[in-house]
Amino acid sequence: MPTDTDTRTEEIRRQNAAACPVVVAIEQVGTPWRLNVVYALQDGEQRFNELKRATDARSKTLSDALDELVDADVVDRRMEEAAPVAVYYSLTEKGRALASALDAFGDWATEWVDEVPDDPSPRPRLH
């Protein structure tokens, strides 16, 4: 016969399984630098130094964030080998879908998170 503890443990397992996709998604893209890159790429393809200026990230930080986003298939990396070599980054279909999801998350944050400024600097939406 199951005890109250057994029943509660099973309920927690079911809840955690339902939350799992959200947790995994946040682990893939949930760092501020990765989100800044997604935000910066919403207007189209950019080179590394353009992204560096847009995000104010250090080279190593930006490089790491880009590598992680490319590995997660959120960002596409394209190289032109003509001299000088040029590397371009853009959002993949998955990245554009993420940008749309972040718009909804931003709306939620504006309504419910106390630390969000009342008048944030004007920025276009993530789509």
C-alpha atoms as a PDB file:
ATOM      1  CA  MET A   1       0.000   0.000   0.000  1.00  0.00           C
ATOM      2  CA  PRO A   2       1.544   3.345  -1.044  1.00  0.00           C
ATOM      3  CA  THR A   3       2.280   5.821   1.708  1.00  0.00           C
ATOM      4  CA  ASP A   4       1.696   9.571   1.541  1.00  0.00           C
ATOM      5  CA  THR A   5       5.434   9.970   0.970  1.00  0.00           C
ATOM      6  CA  ASP A   6       5.371   7.535  -1.968  1.00  0.00           C
ATOM      7  CA  THR A   7       2.410   9.354  -3.495  1.00  0.00           C
ATOM      8  CA  ARG A   8       4.125  12.741  -3.092  1.00  0.00           C
ATOM      9  CA  THR A   9       7.379  11.411  -4.549  1.00  0.00           C
ATOM     10  CA  GLU A  10       5.530  10.123  -7.624  1.00  0.00           C
ATOM     11  CA  GLU A  11       3.726  13.463  -8.018  1.00  0.00           C
ATOM     12  CA  ILE A  12       7.070  15.334  -7.923  1.00  0.00           C
ATOM     13  CA  ARG A  13       8.508  12.967 -10.568  1.00  0.00           C
ATOM     14  CA  ARG A  14       5.562  13.676 -12.879  1.00  0.00           C
ATOM     15  CA  GLN A  15       5.926  17.440 -12.402  1.00  0.00           C
ATOM     16  CA  ASN A  16       9.672  17.353 -13.054  1.00  0.00           C
ATOM     17  CA  ALA A  17       9.166  15.314 -16.225  1.00  0.00           C
ATOM     18  CA  ALA A  18       6.676  17.921 -17.478  1.00  0.00           C
ATOM     19  CA  ALA A  19       9.128  20.755 -16.742  1.00  0.00           C
ATOM     20  CA  CYS A  20      12.082  18.971 -18.331  1.00  0.00           C
ATOM     21  CA  PRO A  21      11.771  20.474 -21.861  1.00  0.00           C
ATOM     22  CA  VAL A  22      11.739  23.992 -20.415  1.00  0.00           C
ATOM     23  CA  VAL A  23      14.768  23.296 -18.232  1.00  0.00           C
ATOM     24  CA  VAL A  24      16.690  21.833 -21.169  1.00  0.00           C
ATOM     25  CA  ALA A  25      15.807  24.825 -23.367  1.00  0.00           C
ATOM     26  CA  ILE A  26      16.945  27.300 -20.730  1.00  0.00           C
ATOM     27  CA  GLU A  27      20.214  25.413 -20.322  1.00  0.00           C
ATOM     28  CA  GLN A  28      20.859  25.749 -24.083  1.00  0.00           C
ATOM     29  CA  VAL A  29      20.205  29.465 -24.420  1.00  0.00           C
ATOM     30  CA  GLY A  30      19.736  30.822 -20.927  1.00  0.00           C
ATOM     31  CA  THR A  31      22.937  32.773 -20.348  1.00  0.00           C
ATOM     32  CA  PRO A  32      22.834  36.541 -20.729  1.00  0.00           C
ATOM     33  CA  TRP A  33      25.575  36.477 -23.380  1.00  0.00           C
ATOM     34  CA  ARG A  34      23.794  33.899 -25.508  1.00  0.00           C
ATOM     35  CA  LEU A  35      20.565  35.874 -25.271  1.00  0.00           C
ATOM     36  CA  ASN A  36      22.416  39.083 -26.205  1.00  0.00           C
ATOM     37  CA  VAL A  37      23.757  37.362 -29.313  1.00  0.00           C
ATOM     38  CA  VAL A  38      20.275  36.168 -30.301  1.00  0.00           C
ATOM     39  CA  TYR A  39      18.999  39.694 -29.760  1.00  0.00           C
ATOM     40  CA  ALA A  40      21.806  41.240 -31.824  1.00  0.00           C
ATOM     41  CA  LEU A  41      21.259  38.828 -34.721  1.00  0.00           C
ATOM     42  CA  GLN A  42      17.534  39.487 -35.016  1.00  0.00           C
ATOM     43  CA  ASP A  43      18.130  42.100 -37.725  1.00  0.00           C
ATOM     44  CA  GLY A  44      20.202  39.751 -39.868  1.00  0.00           C
ATOM     45  CA  GLU A  45      23.650  38.395 -40.512  1.00  0.00           C
ATOM     46  CA  GLN A  46      26.617  40.010 -38.739  1.00  0.00           C
ATOM     47  CA  ARG A  47      30.351  39.552 -38.552  1.00  0.00           C
ATOM     48  CA  PHE A  48      32.155  38.811 -35.294  1.00  0.00           C
ATOM     49  CA  ASN A  49      33.315  42.383 -34.657  1.00  0.00           C
ATOM     50  CA  GLU A  50      29.828  43.737 -35.364  1.00  0.00           C
ATOM     51  CA  LEU A  51      28.460  41.339 -32.749  1.00  0.00           C
ATOM     52  CA  LYS A  52      31.230  42.318 -30.372  1.00  0.00           C
ATOM     53  CA  ARG A  53      30.232  45.983 -30.645  1.00  0.00           C
ATOM     54  CA  ALA A  54      26.511  45.185 -30.426  1.00  0.00           C
ATOM     55  CA  THR A  55      26.859  43.071 -27.270  1.00  0.00           C
ATOM     56  CA  ASP A  56      29.844  44.753 -25.562  1.00  0.00           C
ATOM     57  CA  ALA A  57      31.216  41.257 -24.958  1.00  0.00           C
ATOM     58  CA  ARG A  58      34.890  40.427 -24.734  1.00  0.00           C
ATOM     59  CA  SER A  59      36.207  38.343 -27.618  1.00  0.00           C
ATOM     60  CA  LYS A  60      36.515  35.123 -25.585  1.00  0.00           C
ATOM     61  CA  THR A  61      33.043  35.538 -24.073  1.00  0.00           C
ATOM     62  CA  LEU A  62      31.461  36.191 -27.466  1.00  0.00           C
ATOM     63  CA  SER A  63      33.369  33.352 -29.098  1.00  0.00           C
ATOM     64  CA  ASP A  64      32.204  30.917 -26.415  1.00  0.00           C
ATOM     65  CA  ALA A  65      28.589  32.097 -26.689  1.00  0.00           C
ATOM     66  CA  LEU A  66      28.657  31.785 -30.489  1.00  0.00           C
ATOM     67  CA  ASP A  67      30.173  28.295 -30.330  1.00  0.00           C
ATOM     68  CA  GLU A  68      27.452  27.182 -27.908  1.00  0.00           C
ATOM     69  CA  LEU A  69      24.683  28.691 -30.045  1.00  0.00           C
ATOM     70  CA  VAL A  70      26.087  27.124 -33.220  1.00  0.00           C
ATOM     71  CA  ASP A  71      26.285  23.742 -31.456  1.00  0.00           C
ATOM     72  CA  ALA A  72      22.647  24.161 -30.356  1.00  0.00           C
ATOM     73  CA  ASP A  73      21.628  25.008 -33.978  1.00  0.00           C
ATOM     74  CA  VAL A  74      20.367  28.433 -32.902  1.00  0.00           C
ATOM     75  CA  VAL A  75      23.007  30.354 -34.874  1.00  0.00           C
ATOM     76  CA  ASP A  76      24.500  29.582 -38.272  1.00  0.00           C
ATOM     77  CA  ARG A  77      28.183  30.260 -38.978  1.00  0.00           C
ATOM     78  CA  ARG A  78      29.140  31.018 -42.583  1.00  0.00           C
ATOM     79  CA  MET A  79      32.705  31.529 -43.752  1.00  0.00           C
ATOM     80  CA  GLU A  80      33.843  33.264 -46.932  1.00  0.00           C
ATOM     81  CA  GLU A  81      37.357  32.137 -47.662  1.00  0.00           C
ATOM     82  CA  ALA A  82      38.274  34.873 -50.119  1.00  0.00           C
ATOM     83  CA  ALA A  83      41.036  37.107 -48.775  1.00  0.00           C
ATOM     84  CA  PRO A  84      40.481  38.396 -46.194  1.00  0.00           C
ATOM     85  CA  VAL A  85      38.583  35.509 -44.621  1.00  0.00           C
ATOM     86  CA  ALA A  86      35.202  36.666 -43.327  1.00  0.00           C
ATOM     87  CA  VAL A  87      32.946  34.828 -40.887  1.00  0.00           C
ATOM     88  CA  TYR A  88      29.251  35.694 -40.700  1.00  0.00           C
ATOM     89  CA  TYR A  89      26.673  34.695 -38.104  1.00  0.00           C
ATOM     90  CA  SER A  90      22.893  34.589 -38.458  1.00  0.00           C
ATOM     91  CA  LEU A  91      19.912  33.058 -36.726  1.00  0.00           C
ATOM     92  CA  THR A  92      18.741  29.677 -37.928  1.00  0.00           C
ATOM     93  CA  GLU A  93      15.056  28.844 -38.182  1.00  0.00           C
ATOM     94  CA  LYS A  94      15.354  27.532 -34.619  1.00  0.00           C
ATOM     95  CA  GLY A  95      16.972  30.818 -33.566  1.00  0.00           C
ATOM     96  CA  ARG A  96      14.220  32.914 -35.157  1.00  0.00           C
ATOM     97  CA  ALA A  97      11.625  30.803 -33.344  1.00  0.00           C
ATOM     98  CA  LEU A  98      13.543  31.385 -30.105  1.00  0.00           C
ATOM     99  CA  ALA A  99      13.517  35.135 -30.732  1.00  0.00           C
ATOM    100  CA  SER A 100       9.719  35.021 -30.998  1.00  0.00           C
ATOM    101  CA  ALA A 101       9.494  33.041 -27.772  1.00  0.00           C
ATOM    102  CA  LEU A 102      11.734  35.595 -26.074  1.00  0.00           C
ATOM    103  CA  ASP A 103       9.307  38.362 -27.094  1.00  0.00           C
ATOM    104  CA  ALA A 104       6.595  36.612 -25.093  1.00  0.00           C
ATOM    105  CA  PHE A 105       8.998  36.110 -22.196  1.00  0.00           C
ATOM    106  CA  GLY A 106       9.891  39.825 -22.330  1.00  0.00           C
ATOM    107  CA  ASP A 107       6.208  40.728 -22.172  1.00  0.00           C
ATOM    108  CA  TRP A 108       5.834  38.497 -19.124  1.00  0.00           C
ATOM    109  CA  ALA A 109       8.898  40.066 -17.470  1.00  0.00           C
ATOM    110  CA  THR A 110       7.631  43.586 -18.102  1.00  0.00           C
ATOM    111  CA  GLU A 111       4.378  42.754 -16.377  1.00  0.00           C
ATOM    112  CA  TRP A 112       5.605  40.585 -13.512  1.00  0.00           C
ATOM    113  CA  VAL A 113       9.296  41.158 -12.717  1.00  0.00           C
ATOM    114  CA  ASP A 114       9.936  44.066 -10.350  1.00  0.00           C
ATOM    115  CA  GLU A 115      13.489  44.739 -11.546  1.00  0.00           C
ATOM    116  CA  VAL A 116      12.544  45.445 -15.175  1.00  0.00           C
ATOM    117  CA  PRO A 117      12.886  49.205 -15.830  1.00  0.00           C
ATOM    118  CA  ASP A 118       9.635  51.079 -16.464  1.00  0.00           C
ATOM    119  CA  ASP A 119      11.126  52.739 -19.528  1.00  0.00           C
ATOM    120  CA  PRO A 120      13.794  50.420 -20.934  1.00  0.00           C
ATOM    121  CA  SER A 121      15.952  51.754 -23.719  1.00  0.00           C
ATOM    122  CA  PRO A 122      13.989  51.518 -26.943  1.00  0.00           C
ATOM    123  CA  ARG A 123      14.820  48.268 -28.693  1.00  0.00           C
ATOM    124  CA  PRO A 124      13.013  46.418 -31.408  1.00  0.00           C
ATOM    125  CA  ARG A 125      11.251  43.228 -30.503  1.00  0.00           C
ATOM    126  CA  LEU A 126      13.033  39.908 -30.997  1.00  0.00           C
ATOM    127  CA  HIS A 127      11.513  38.843 -34.306  1.00  0.00           C
END
